[in-house]
Amino acid sequence: MEGSMRLRQRLILVALPALLAGCATSYTLDEREVEGYLREKLTIEERHSPVPVLDTEIRLNHIDVEIGRHRKNQVQVTTRSEFVVRTPLLPLRASLTATLAATPWYRPEDRGIYLRDLTLVEVKAEPDDLSLPLERLGQESLMAVKLFLASQPIYTLDDGDWAQGILGRFGREITIEPGVIRFHLDGHSD
């Protein structure tokens, strides 16, 4: 009887990974999920008074993520910051949009997707005639965004979700497809 019990336990230990691999060989993470994660983790609100009569508020209020759409195996993150410059006469409103591109990679130790080789693709100011002053004002917030994207995960697998938990434990590889990041279990590229 004891031998029979050990045999069952061994069969379960051998069969369980095969069963799990069949159920969850890959998991896709789409652009909206990454955007939601970044919106939750990356918030920038600053207030500056470069000269006594000017007060500047900067707020990062939009993040857009595109996966594998512009360059193969790359993620583009576009942020838009809104500026309000209060002058003695009237407030000026403007926005600064920055697009950064990078290659995502998966770090199994903390189950996070990180970005490497981060490059600035484009910076655009609206209205155009405020481009130079806005880019100068926005340097600090742009540096904060770049530092965050270069050092923090853009997504971390949720152990509370069954599929993500399994992939977090056994997965080691990601691939980039238009619109999604696909996680794979060891040795299972679809």
N, C-alpha and C. Protein backbone atom coordinates (compact mmCIF):
# COMPACT_ATOMS: atom_id res chain seq x y z
N MET A 1 0.82 -1.19 0.00
CA MET A 1 0.00 0.00 0.00
C MET A 1 0.87 1.26 0.00
N GLU A 2 1.91 1.25 0.83
CA GLU A 2 2.79 2.40 0.88
C GLU A 2 3.51 2.59 -0.46
N GLY A 3 3.91 1.50 -1.10
CA GLY A 3 4.55 1.56 -2.42
C GLY A 3 3.61 2.10 -3.47
N SER A 4 2.33 1.74 -3.36
CA SER A 4 1.32 2.23 -4.29
C SER A 4 1.13 3.74 -4.13
N MET A 5 1.16 4.20 -2.90
CA MET A 5 1.01 5.63 -2.61
C MET A 5 2.18 6.43 -3.18
N ARG A 6 3.38 5.91 -3.03
CA ARG A 6 4.57 6.58 -3.56
C ARG A 6 4.52 6.64 -5.09
N LEU A 7 4.06 5.55 -5.68
CA LEU A 7 3.94 5.50 -7.13
C LEU A 7 2.95 6.57 -7.62
N ARG A 8 1.83 6.71 -6.93
CA ARG A 8 0.84 7.75 -7.29
C ARG A 8 1.44 9.15 -7.16
N GLN A 9 2.16 9.38 -6.07
CA GLN A 9 2.77 10.69 -5.87
C GLN A 9 3.76 11.01 -6.98
N ARG A 10 4.57 10.02 -7.36
CA ARG A 10 5.53 10.22 -8.44
C ARG A 10 4.82 10.50 -9.77
N LEU A 11 3.77 9.74 -10.02
CA LEU A 11 3.00 9.97 -11.25
C LEU A 11 2.42 11.38 -11.28
N ILE A 12 1.91 11.80 -10.15
CA ILE A 12 1.35 13.16 -10.07
C ILE A 12 2.44 14.19 -10.30
N LEU A 13 3.60 14.00 -9.68
CA LEU A 13 4.70 14.94 -9.86
C LEU A 13 5.20 14.98 -11.30
N VAL A 14 5.16 13.85 -11.99
CA VAL A 14 5.57 13.80 -13.39
C VAL A 14 4.48 14.35 -14.29
N ALA A 15 3.24 14.02 -14.01
CA ALA A 15 2.12 14.40 -14.88
C ALA A 15 1.71 15.86 -14.72
N LEU A 16 1.86 16.42 -13.53
CA LEU A 16 1.40 17.78 -13.28
C LEU A 16 2.07 18.81 -14.19
N PRO A 17 3.40 18.83 -14.31
CA PRO A 17 3.99 19.81 -15.23
C PRO A 17 3.54 19.62 -16.68
N ALA A 18 3.38 18.36 -17.10
CA ALA A 18 2.91 18.11 -18.48
C ALA A 18 1.49 18.62 -18.66
N LEU A 19 0.65 18.39 -17.68
CA LEU A 19 -0.72 18.88 -17.72
C LEU A 19 -0.75 20.40 -17.76
N LEU A 20 0.03 21.03 -16.90
CA LEU A 20 0.07 22.48 -16.86
C LEU A 20 0.63 23.05 -18.16
N ALA A 21 1.63 22.40 -18.70
CA ALA A 21 2.20 22.87 -19.97
C ALA A 21 1.16 22.80 -21.08
N GLY A 22 0.34 21.77 -21.07
CA GLY A 22 -0.71 21.65 -22.09
C GLY A 22 -1.78 22.70 -21.93
N CYS A 23 -2.05 23.12 -20.70
CA CYS A 23 -3.11 24.09 -20.44
C CYS A 23 -2.66 25.52 -20.68
N ALA A 24 -1.41 25.80 -20.43
CA ALA A 24 -0.96 27.19 -20.48
C ALA A 24 0.42 27.29 -21.09
N THR A 25 0.56 26.92 -22.37
CA THR A 25 1.88 26.99 -22.98
C THR A 25 2.29 28.42 -23.29
N SER A 26 1.34 29.32 -23.41
CA SER A 26 1.69 30.72 -23.62
C SER A 26 0.59 31.61 -23.07
N TYR A 27 0.96 32.85 -22.86
CA TYR A 27 0.03 33.85 -22.34
C TYR A 27 0.36 35.14 -23.06
N THR A 28 -0.63 35.84 -23.57
CA THR A 28 -0.36 37.10 -24.25
C THR A 28 -0.75 38.27 -23.37
N LEU A 29 0.06 39.28 -23.47
CA LEU A 29 -0.13 40.53 -22.75
C LEU A 29 -0.30 41.60 -23.82
N ASP A 30 -1.44 42.29 -23.83
CA ASP A 30 -1.66 43.26 -24.90
C ASP A 30 -1.29 44.68 -24.47
N GLU A 31 -1.36 45.58 -25.45
CA GLU A 31 -0.94 46.97 -25.23
C GLU A 31 -1.74 47.65 -24.13
N ARG A 32 -3.04 47.41 -24.07
CA ARG A 32 -3.88 48.07 -23.06
C ARG A 32 -3.50 47.64 -21.65
N GLU A 33 -3.14 46.35 -21.48
CA GLU A 33 -2.72 45.87 -20.16
C GLU A 33 -1.43 46.56 -19.71
N VAL A 34 -0.48 46.72 -20.63
CA VAL A 34 0.77 47.40 -20.30
C VAL A 34 0.50 48.87 -20.00
N GLU A 35 -0.35 49.51 -20.80
CA GLU A 35 -0.71 50.91 -20.54
C GLU A 35 -1.32 51.07 -19.16
N GLY A 36 -2.27 50.20 -18.81
CA GLY A 36 -2.90 50.28 -17.49
C GLY A 36 -1.89 50.12 -16.37
N TYR A 37 -0.97 49.19 -16.53
CA TYR A 37 0.07 48.96 -15.52
C TYR A 37 0.94 50.21 -15.38
N LEU A 38 1.36 50.79 -16.52
CA LEU A 38 2.21 51.98 -16.47
C LEU A 38 1.47 53.19 -15.90
N ARG A 39 0.20 53.34 -16.24
CA ARG A 39 -0.57 54.47 -15.68
C ARG A 39 -0.64 54.38 -14.16
N GLU A 40 -0.74 53.16 -13.67
CA GLU A 40 -0.81 52.96 -12.22
C GLU A 40 0.54 53.23 -11.55
N LYS A 41 1.63 52.87 -12.20
CA LYS A 41 2.96 52.95 -11.58
C LYS A 41 3.70 54.25 -11.86
N LEU A 42 3.42 54.89 -12.99
CA LEU A 42 4.19 56.06 -13.42
C LEU A 42 3.31 57.31 -13.37
N THR A 43 3.48 58.08 -12.32
CA THR A 43 2.74 59.34 -12.21
C THR A 43 3.75 60.46 -11.97
N ILE A 44 3.57 61.53 -12.70
CA ILE A 44 4.45 62.69 -12.53
C ILE A 44 3.57 63.93 -12.44
N GLU A 45 3.71 64.62 -11.35
CA GLU A 45 3.07 65.92 -11.16
C GLU A 45 4.11 66.81 -10.51
N GLU A 46 4.45 67.90 -11.19
CA GLU A 46 5.48 68.80 -10.69
C GLU A 46 4.97 70.23 -10.73
N ARG A 47 5.55 71.02 -9.87
CA ARG A 47 5.25 72.45 -9.85
C ARG A 47 6.58 73.18 -9.74
N HIS A 48 6.80 74.13 -10.64
CA HIS A 48 8.05 74.90 -10.66
C HIS A 48 7.71 76.39 -10.65
N SER A 49 8.61 77.16 -10.09
CA SER A 49 8.53 78.61 -10.18
C SER A 49 9.90 79.11 -10.60
N PRO A 50 10.21 79.04 -11.91
CA PRO A 50 11.54 79.42 -12.37
C PRO A 50 11.88 80.89 -12.10
N VAL A 51 10.87 81.73 -12.16
CA VAL A 51 11.03 83.15 -11.78
C VAL A 51 9.83 83.51 -10.92
N PRO A 52 9.95 84.51 -10.06
CA PRO A 52 8.87 84.80 -9.10
C PRO A 52 7.49 85.02 -9.70
N VAL A 53 7.38 85.56 -10.90
CA VAL A 53 6.05 85.84 -11.46
C VAL A 53 5.48 84.69 -12.28
N LEU A 54 6.24 83.62 -12.48
CA LEU A 54 5.78 82.47 -13.26
C LEU A 54 5.64 81.24 -12.37
N ASP A 55 4.56 80.56 -12.56
CA ASP A 55 4.33 79.30 -11.85
C ASP A 55 3.98 78.26 -12.90
N THR A 56 4.69 77.15 -12.91
CA THR A 56 4.49 76.13 -13.93
C THR A 56 4.05 74.82 -13.29
N GLU A 57 2.98 74.26 -13.83
CA GLU A 57 2.52 72.93 -13.40
C GLU A 57 2.72 71.97 -14.56
N ILE A 58 3.26 70.80 -14.25
CA ILE A 58 3.47 69.76 -15.26
C ILE A 58 2.79 68.49 -14.76
N ARG A 59 2.00 67.88 -15.62
CA ARG A 59 1.32 66.64 -15.24
C ARG A 59 1.40 65.65 -16.40
N LEU A 60 1.95 64.48 -16.11
CA LEU A 60 1.94 63.40 -17.09
C LEU A 60 0.55 62.80 -17.04
N ASN A 61 -0.18 62.92 -18.15
CA ASN A 61 -1.57 62.46 -18.07
C ASN A 61 -1.99 61.51 -19.18
N HIS A 62 -1.04 61.05 -19.99
CA HIS A 62 -1.43 60.08 -21.02
C HIS A 62 -0.23 59.19 -21.35
N ILE A 63 -0.48 57.89 -21.42
CA ILE A 63 0.55 56.92 -21.82
C ILE A 63 -0.07 56.02 -22.88
N ASP A 64 0.64 55.87 -23.98
CA ASP A 64 0.20 54.99 -25.06
C ASP A 64 1.33 54.00 -25.34
N VAL A 65 1.00 52.73 -25.46
CA VAL A 65 2.00 51.68 -25.70
C VAL A 65 1.68 50.99 -27.02
N GLU A 66 2.69 50.82 -27.84
CA GLU A 66 2.56 50.06 -29.08
C GLU A 66 3.63 48.97 -29.07
N ILE A 67 3.19 47.73 -29.25
CA ILE A 67 4.09 46.58 -29.17
C ILE A 67 4.30 46.01 -30.57
N GLY A 68 5.56 45.99 -31.02
CA GLY A 68 5.91 45.35 -32.29
C GLY A 68 5.26 45.93 -33.51
N ARG A 69 4.83 47.16 -33.48
CA ARG A 69 4.13 47.75 -34.63
C ARG A 69 5.05 48.60 -35.52
N HIS A 70 6.08 49.20 -34.94
CA HIS A 70 6.96 50.07 -35.73
C HIS A 70 8.26 49.37 -36.10
N ARG A 71 8.80 48.67 -35.14
CA ARG A 71 10.01 47.88 -35.37
C ARG A 71 9.81 46.52 -34.73
N LYS A 72 10.30 45.50 -35.43
CA LYS A 72 10.17 44.14 -34.91
C LYS A 72 10.89 44.05 -33.55
N ASN A 73 10.28 43.38 -32.62
CA ASN A 73 10.84 43.13 -31.29
C ASN A 73 11.03 44.40 -30.45
N GLN A 74 10.29 45.46 -30.76
CA GLN A 74 10.40 46.67 -29.96
C GLN A 74 9.05 47.13 -29.44
N VAL A 75 9.12 47.84 -28.33
CA VAL A 75 7.95 48.47 -27.73
C VAL A 75 8.16 49.97 -27.82
N GLN A 76 7.11 50.70 -28.21
CA GLN A 76 7.16 52.16 -28.18
C GLN A 76 6.22 52.65 -27.10
N VAL A 77 6.73 53.56 -26.28
CA VAL A 77 5.93 54.18 -25.22
C VAL A 77 5.86 55.67 -25.53
N THR A 78 4.64 56.17 -25.67
CA THR A 78 4.43 57.60 -25.92
C THR A 78 3.76 58.20 -24.70
N THR A 79 4.34 59.28 -24.20
CA THR A 79 3.76 59.97 -23.04
C THR A 79 3.39 61.38 -23.45
N ARG A 80 2.32 61.89 -22.88
CA ARG A 80 1.94 63.28 -23.11
C ARG A 80 1.83 63.96 -21.76
N SER A 81 2.56 65.05 -21.63
CA SER A 81 2.51 65.86 -20.41
C SER A 81 1.83 67.17 -20.73
N GLU A 82 0.95 67.57 -19.84
CA GLU A 82 0.25 68.85 -19.98
C GLU A 82 0.95 69.89 -19.11
N PHE A 83 1.11 71.08 -19.66
CA PHE A 83 1.76 72.19 -18.95
C PHE A 83 0.76 73.32 -18.78
N VAL A 84 0.80 73.93 -17.61
CA VAL A 84 0.07 75.18 -17.39
C VAL A 84 1.10 76.15 -16.83
N VAL A 85 1.33 77.24 -17.56
CA VAL A 85 2.26 78.28 -17.11
C VAL A 85 1.42 79.48 -16.73
N ARG A 86 1.42 79.80 -15.45
CA ARG A 86 0.63 80.94 -14.96
C ARG A 86 1.50 82.19 -15.00
N THR A 87 1.04 83.15 -15.78
CA THR A 87 1.73 84.43 -15.91
C THR A 87 0.85 85.50 -15.28
N PRO A 88 1.39 86.71 -15.07
CA PRO A 88 0.55 87.77 -14.51
C PRO A 88 -0.65 88.13 -15.39
N LEU A 89 -0.55 87.92 -16.70
CA LEU A 89 -1.64 88.28 -17.60
C LEU A 89 -2.66 87.16 -17.76
N LEU A 90 -2.22 85.98 -18.16
CA LEU A 90 -3.14 84.86 -18.37
C LEU A 90 -2.36 83.55 -18.36
N PRO A 91 -3.03 82.47 -18.05
CA PRO A 91 -2.32 81.18 -18.07
C PRO A 91 -2.13 80.67 -19.50
N LEU A 92 -0.99 80.06 -19.74
CA LEU A 92 -0.71 79.43 -21.03
C LEU A 92 -0.82 77.92 -20.85
N ARG A 93 -1.49 77.28 -21.78
CA ARG A 93 -1.62 75.82 -21.73
C ARG A 93 -0.90 75.23 -22.94
N ALA A 94 -0.19 74.13 -22.68
CA ALA A 94 0.56 73.48 -23.75
C ALA A 94 0.75 72.01 -23.40
N SER A 95 1.25 71.26 -24.37
CA SER A 95 1.54 69.85 -24.10
C SER A 95 2.84 69.45 -24.77
N LEU A 96 3.48 68.45 -24.19
CA LEU A 96 4.72 67.91 -24.72
C LEU A 96 4.54 66.40 -24.85
N THR A 97 4.73 65.90 -26.06
CA THR A 97 4.59 64.47 -26.33
C THR A 97 5.96 63.89 -26.63
N ALA A 98 6.31 62.82 -25.95
CA ALA A 98 7.61 62.16 -26.17
C ALA A 98 7.37 60.69 -26.47
N THR A 99 8.07 60.19 -27.48
CA THR A 99 7.98 58.78 -27.84
C THR A 99 9.35 58.14 -27.65
N LEU A 100 9.37 57.05 -26.90
CA LEU A 100 10.59 56.30 -26.65
C LEU A 100 10.41 54.87 -27.16
N ALA A 101 11.47 54.28 -27.66
CA ALA A 101 11.42 52.90 -28.14
C ALA A 101 12.49 52.08 -27.42
N ALA A 102 12.19 50.80 -27.21
CA ALA A 102 13.14 49.93 -26.52
C ALA A 102 12.80 48.47 -26.81
N THR A 103 13.74 47.62 -26.45
CA THR A 103 13.56 46.18 -26.60
C THR A 103 13.15 45.58 -25.26
N PRO A 104 12.02 44.89 -25.20
CA PRO A 104 11.61 44.28 -23.93
C PRO A 104 12.35 42.97 -23.67
N TRP A 105 12.56 42.69 -22.40
CA TRP A 105 13.15 41.41 -21.99
C TRP A 105 12.50 40.98 -20.68
N TYR A 106 12.50 39.70 -20.45
CA TYR A 106 11.83 39.13 -19.28
C TYR A 106 12.86 38.71 -18.24
N ARG A 107 12.63 39.14 -17.00
CA ARG A 107 13.51 38.76 -15.89
C ARG A 107 12.72 37.84 -14.96
N PRO A 108 13.00 36.52 -15.02
CA PRO A 108 12.21 35.56 -14.24
C PRO A 108 12.31 35.74 -12.73
N GLU A 109 13.41 36.29 -12.24
CA GLU A 109 13.59 36.44 -10.79
C GLU A 109 12.46 37.24 -10.14
N ASP A 110 12.00 38.28 -10.80
CA ASP A 110 10.90 39.06 -10.23
C ASP A 110 9.67 39.07 -11.14
N ARG A 111 9.72 38.23 -12.19
CA ARG A 111 8.59 38.04 -13.11
C ARG A 111 8.18 39.34 -13.81
N GLY A 112 9.19 40.17 -14.11
CA GLY A 112 8.91 41.46 -14.72
C GLY A 112 9.44 41.57 -16.14
N ILE A 113 8.75 42.39 -16.93
CA ILE A 113 9.22 42.73 -18.27
C ILE A 113 9.88 44.10 -18.17
N TYR A 114 11.11 44.17 -18.61
CA TYR A 114 11.90 45.40 -18.56
C TYR A 114 12.23 45.84 -19.98
N LEU A 115 12.71 47.08 -20.10
CA LEU A 115 13.12 47.61 -21.39
C LEU A 115 14.62 47.87 -21.39
N ARG A 116 15.28 47.55 -22.51
CA ARG A 116 16.70 47.87 -22.66
C ARG A 116 16.89 48.60 -23.99
N ASP A 117 18.04 49.26 -24.11
CA ASP A 117 18.36 50.03 -25.32
C ASP A 117 17.29 51.10 -25.59
N LEU A 118 16.94 51.84 -24.55
CA LEU A 118 15.92 52.88 -24.63
C LEU A 118 16.42 54.05 -25.47
N THR A 119 15.66 54.43 -26.49
CA THR A 119 16.03 55.56 -27.33
C THR A 119 14.85 56.52 -27.46
N LEU A 120 15.16 57.80 -27.54
CA LEU A 120 14.15 58.82 -27.74
C LEU A 120 13.88 58.91 -29.24
N VAL A 121 12.65 58.64 -29.64
CA VAL A 121 12.27 58.63 -31.06
C VAL A 121 11.84 60.02 -31.50
N GLU A 122 11.02 60.68 -30.66
CA GLU A 122 10.45 61.97 -31.07
C GLU A 122 9.98 62.75 -29.85
N VAL A 123 10.14 64.07 -29.92
CA VAL A 123 9.57 64.98 -28.93
C VAL A 123 8.82 66.04 -29.72
N LYS A 124 7.57 66.25 -29.34
CA LYS A 124 6.72 67.20 -30.07
C LYS A 124 6.00 68.08 -29.06
N ALA A 125 6.00 69.39 -29.32
CA ALA A 125 5.33 70.34 -28.44
C ALA A 125 4.15 70.97 -29.17
N GLU A 126 3.10 71.25 -28.42
CA GLU A 126 1.95 71.97 -28.95
C GLU A 126 1.61 73.09 -27.98
N PRO A 127 1.47 74.29 -28.40
CA PRO A 127 1.64 74.82 -29.75
C PRO A 127 3.11 74.83 -30.17
N ASP A 128 3.33 74.76 -31.49
CA ASP A 128 4.68 74.67 -32.04
C ASP A 128 5.58 75.82 -31.64
N ASP A 129 5.04 77.03 -31.52
CA ASP A 129 5.88 78.18 -31.21
C ASP A 129 6.44 78.13 -29.78
N LEU A 130 5.96 77.21 -28.96
CA LEU A 130 6.50 77.05 -27.61
C LEU A 130 7.42 75.84 -27.49
N SER A 131 7.84 75.28 -28.62
CA SER A 131 8.65 74.05 -28.61
C SER A 131 9.88 74.16 -27.73
N LEU A 132 10.71 75.15 -27.97
CA LEU A 132 11.97 75.26 -27.23
C LEU A 132 11.75 75.45 -25.73
N PRO A 133 10.92 76.42 -25.31
CA PRO A 133 10.72 76.57 -23.86
C PRO A 133 10.08 75.33 -23.23
N LEU A 134 9.14 74.69 -23.94
CA LEU A 134 8.49 73.50 -23.38
C LEU A 134 9.47 72.34 -23.23
N GLU A 135 10.33 72.17 -24.23
CA GLU A 135 11.30 71.08 -24.14
C GLU A 135 12.24 71.31 -22.96
N ARG A 136 12.60 72.57 -22.72
CA ARG A 136 13.46 72.87 -21.56
C ARG A 136 12.71 72.61 -20.25
N LEU A 137 11.46 73.07 -20.18
CA LEU A 137 10.66 72.84 -18.98
C LEU A 137 10.40 71.35 -18.76
N GLY A 138 10.22 70.63 -19.85
CA GLY A 138 9.87 69.22 -19.74
C GLY A 138 11.05 68.28 -19.58
N GLN A 139 12.27 68.80 -19.60
CA GLN A 139 13.45 67.92 -19.48
C GLN A 139 13.42 67.08 -18.20
N GLU A 140 13.03 67.70 -17.11
CA GLU A 140 13.01 66.99 -15.83
C GLU A 140 11.99 65.85 -15.85
N SER A 141 10.78 66.12 -16.34
CA SER A 141 9.78 65.05 -16.37
C SER A 141 10.15 63.99 -17.40
N LEU A 142 10.74 64.39 -18.52
CA LEU A 142 11.18 63.42 -19.52
C LEU A 142 12.29 62.53 -18.95
N MET A 143 13.20 63.11 -18.20
CA MET A 143 14.26 62.32 -17.56
C MET A 143 13.67 61.34 -16.55
N ALA A 144 12.64 61.77 -15.83
CA ALA A 144 11.98 60.87 -14.87
C ALA A 144 11.32 59.70 -15.59
N VAL A 145 10.68 59.97 -16.72
CA VAL A 145 10.05 58.90 -17.51
C VAL A 145 11.12 57.94 -18.02
N LYS A 146 12.21 58.49 -18.58
CA LYS A 146 13.29 57.64 -19.10
C LYS A 146 13.91 56.79 -18.00
N LEU A 147 14.14 57.38 -16.85
CA LEU A 147 14.72 56.64 -15.72
C LEU A 147 13.79 55.52 -15.28
N PHE A 148 12.49 55.82 -15.20
CA PHE A 148 11.52 54.79 -14.81
C PHE A 148 11.52 53.65 -15.82
N LEU A 149 11.41 53.97 -17.10
CA LEU A 149 11.34 52.94 -18.13
C LEU A 149 12.63 52.13 -18.25
N ALA A 150 13.76 52.73 -17.91
CA ALA A 150 15.04 52.02 -17.99
C ALA A 150 15.30 51.15 -16.76
N SER A 151 14.62 51.42 -15.65
CA SER A 151 14.97 50.70 -14.41
C SER A 151 13.83 49.91 -13.77
N GLN A 152 12.61 50.18 -14.15
CA GLN A 152 11.46 49.51 -13.53
C GLN A 152 10.75 48.63 -14.56
N PRO A 153 10.07 47.59 -14.11
CA PRO A 153 9.34 46.75 -15.07
C PRO A 153 8.17 47.52 -15.68
N ILE A 154 7.90 47.25 -16.96
CA ILE A 154 6.72 47.85 -17.59
C ILE A 154 5.50 46.97 -17.34
N TYR A 155 5.76 45.76 -16.82
CA TYR A 155 4.68 44.87 -16.41
C TYR A 155 5.28 43.77 -15.54
N THR A 156 4.54 43.36 -14.53
CA THR A 156 4.94 42.25 -13.67
C THR A 156 3.81 41.23 -13.66
N LEU A 157 4.16 39.97 -13.87
CA LEU A 157 3.15 38.91 -13.86
C LEU A 157 2.46 38.87 -12.50
N ASP A 158 1.16 38.64 -12.52
CA ASP A 158 0.33 38.61 -11.32
C ASP A 158 0.20 37.17 -10.84
N ASP A 159 0.80 36.86 -9.68
CA ASP A 159 0.72 35.50 -9.13
C ASP A 159 -0.70 35.12 -8.75
N GLY A 160 -1.58 36.10 -8.55
CA GLY A 160 -2.97 35.83 -8.22
C GLY A 160 -3.77 35.31 -9.40
N ASP A 161 -3.28 35.54 -10.61
CA ASP A 161 -3.92 35.03 -11.82
C ASP A 161 -3.29 33.67 -12.14
N TRP A 162 -4.13 32.64 -12.31
CA TRP A 162 -3.64 31.27 -12.47
C TRP A 162 -2.64 31.15 -13.61
N ALA A 163 -3.00 31.60 -14.81
CA ALA A 163 -2.12 31.46 -15.98
C ALA A 163 -0.83 32.25 -15.80
N GLN A 164 -0.94 33.48 -15.29
CA GLN A 164 0.26 34.29 -15.09
C GLN A 164 1.15 33.68 -14.01
N GLY A 165 0.55 33.11 -12.98
CA GLY A 165 1.32 32.46 -11.92
C GLY A 165 2.12 31.28 -12.45
N ILE A 166 1.50 30.44 -13.28
CA ILE A 166 2.18 29.29 -13.87
C ILE A 166 3.33 29.76 -14.77
N LEU A 167 3.05 30.74 -15.62
CA LEU A 167 4.10 31.25 -16.51
C LEU A 167 5.21 31.92 -15.73
N GLY A 168 4.87 32.58 -14.63
CA GLY A 168 5.89 33.19 -13.79
C GLY A 168 6.82 32.15 -13.19
N ARG A 169 6.28 31.01 -12.83
CA ARG A 169 7.09 29.95 -12.23
C ARG A 169 7.92 29.18 -13.25
N PHE A 170 7.33 28.91 -14.42
CA PHE A 170 8.00 28.03 -15.37
C PHE A 170 8.46 28.73 -16.65
N GLY A 171 7.98 29.91 -16.93
CA GLY A 171 8.33 30.60 -18.17
C GLY A 171 9.66 31.31 -18.09
N ARG A 172 10.34 31.37 -19.20
CA ARG A 172 11.64 32.05 -19.26
C ARG A 172 11.79 32.88 -20.52
N GLU A 173 10.82 32.84 -21.40
CA GLU A 173 11.00 33.44 -22.71
C GLU A 173 9.78 34.28 -23.08
N ILE A 174 10.04 35.41 -23.77
CA ILE A 174 8.96 36.19 -24.36
C ILE A 174 9.27 36.40 -25.83
N THR A 175 8.23 36.57 -26.61
CA THR A 175 8.38 36.96 -28.01
C THR A 175 7.45 38.14 -28.25
N ILE A 176 7.81 38.96 -29.23
CA ILE A 176 7.03 40.15 -29.55
C ILE A 176 6.29 39.91 -30.86
N GLU A 177 5.00 40.16 -30.83
CA GLU A 177 4.16 40.07 -32.03
C GLU A 177 3.41 41.40 -32.11
N PRO A 178 2.93 41.78 -33.29
CA PRO A 178 2.20 43.05 -33.37
C PRO A 178 1.05 43.10 -32.36
N GLY A 179 1.16 44.04 -31.43
CA GLY A 179 0.11 44.27 -30.44
C GLY A 179 0.22 43.48 -29.16
N VAL A 180 1.10 42.47 -29.10
CA VAL A 180 1.18 41.64 -27.88
C VAL A 180 2.60 41.21 -27.56
N ILE A 181 2.80 40.95 -26.27
CA ILE A 181 4.00 40.27 -25.79
C ILE A 181 3.52 38.89 -25.38
N ARG A 182 4.17 37.86 -25.91
CA ARG A 182 3.76 36.48 -25.62
C ARG A 182 4.80 35.84 -24.71
N PHE A 183 4.31 35.33 -23.57
CA PHE A 183 5.15 34.56 -22.64
C PHE A 183 5.07 33.10 -23.04
N HIS A 184 6.20 32.40 -22.92
CA HIS A 184 6.24 30.97 -23.23
C HIS A 184 6.80 30.20 -22.05
N LEU A 185 6.30 28.99 -21.87
CA LEU A 185 6.91 28.08 -20.91
C LEU A 185 8.24 27.61 -21.49
N ASP A 186 9.15 27.16 -20.62
CA ASP A 186 10.45 26.66 -21.08
C ASP A 186 10.29 25.71 -22.25
N GLY A 187 10.99 26.03 -23.34
CA GLY A 187 11.02 25.13 -24.48
C GLY A 187 9.74 25.05 -25.29
N HIS A 188 8.78 25.94 -25.07
CA HIS A 188 7.51 25.89 -25.79
C HIS A 188 7.29 27.20 -26.55
N SER A 189 7.89 27.39 -27.68
CA SER A 189 7.59 28.55 -28.52
C SER A 189 6.52 28.14 -29.50
N ASP A 190 5.38 28.83 -29.46
CA ASP A 190 4.27 28.50 -30.36
C ASP A 190 4.57 28.95 -31.77
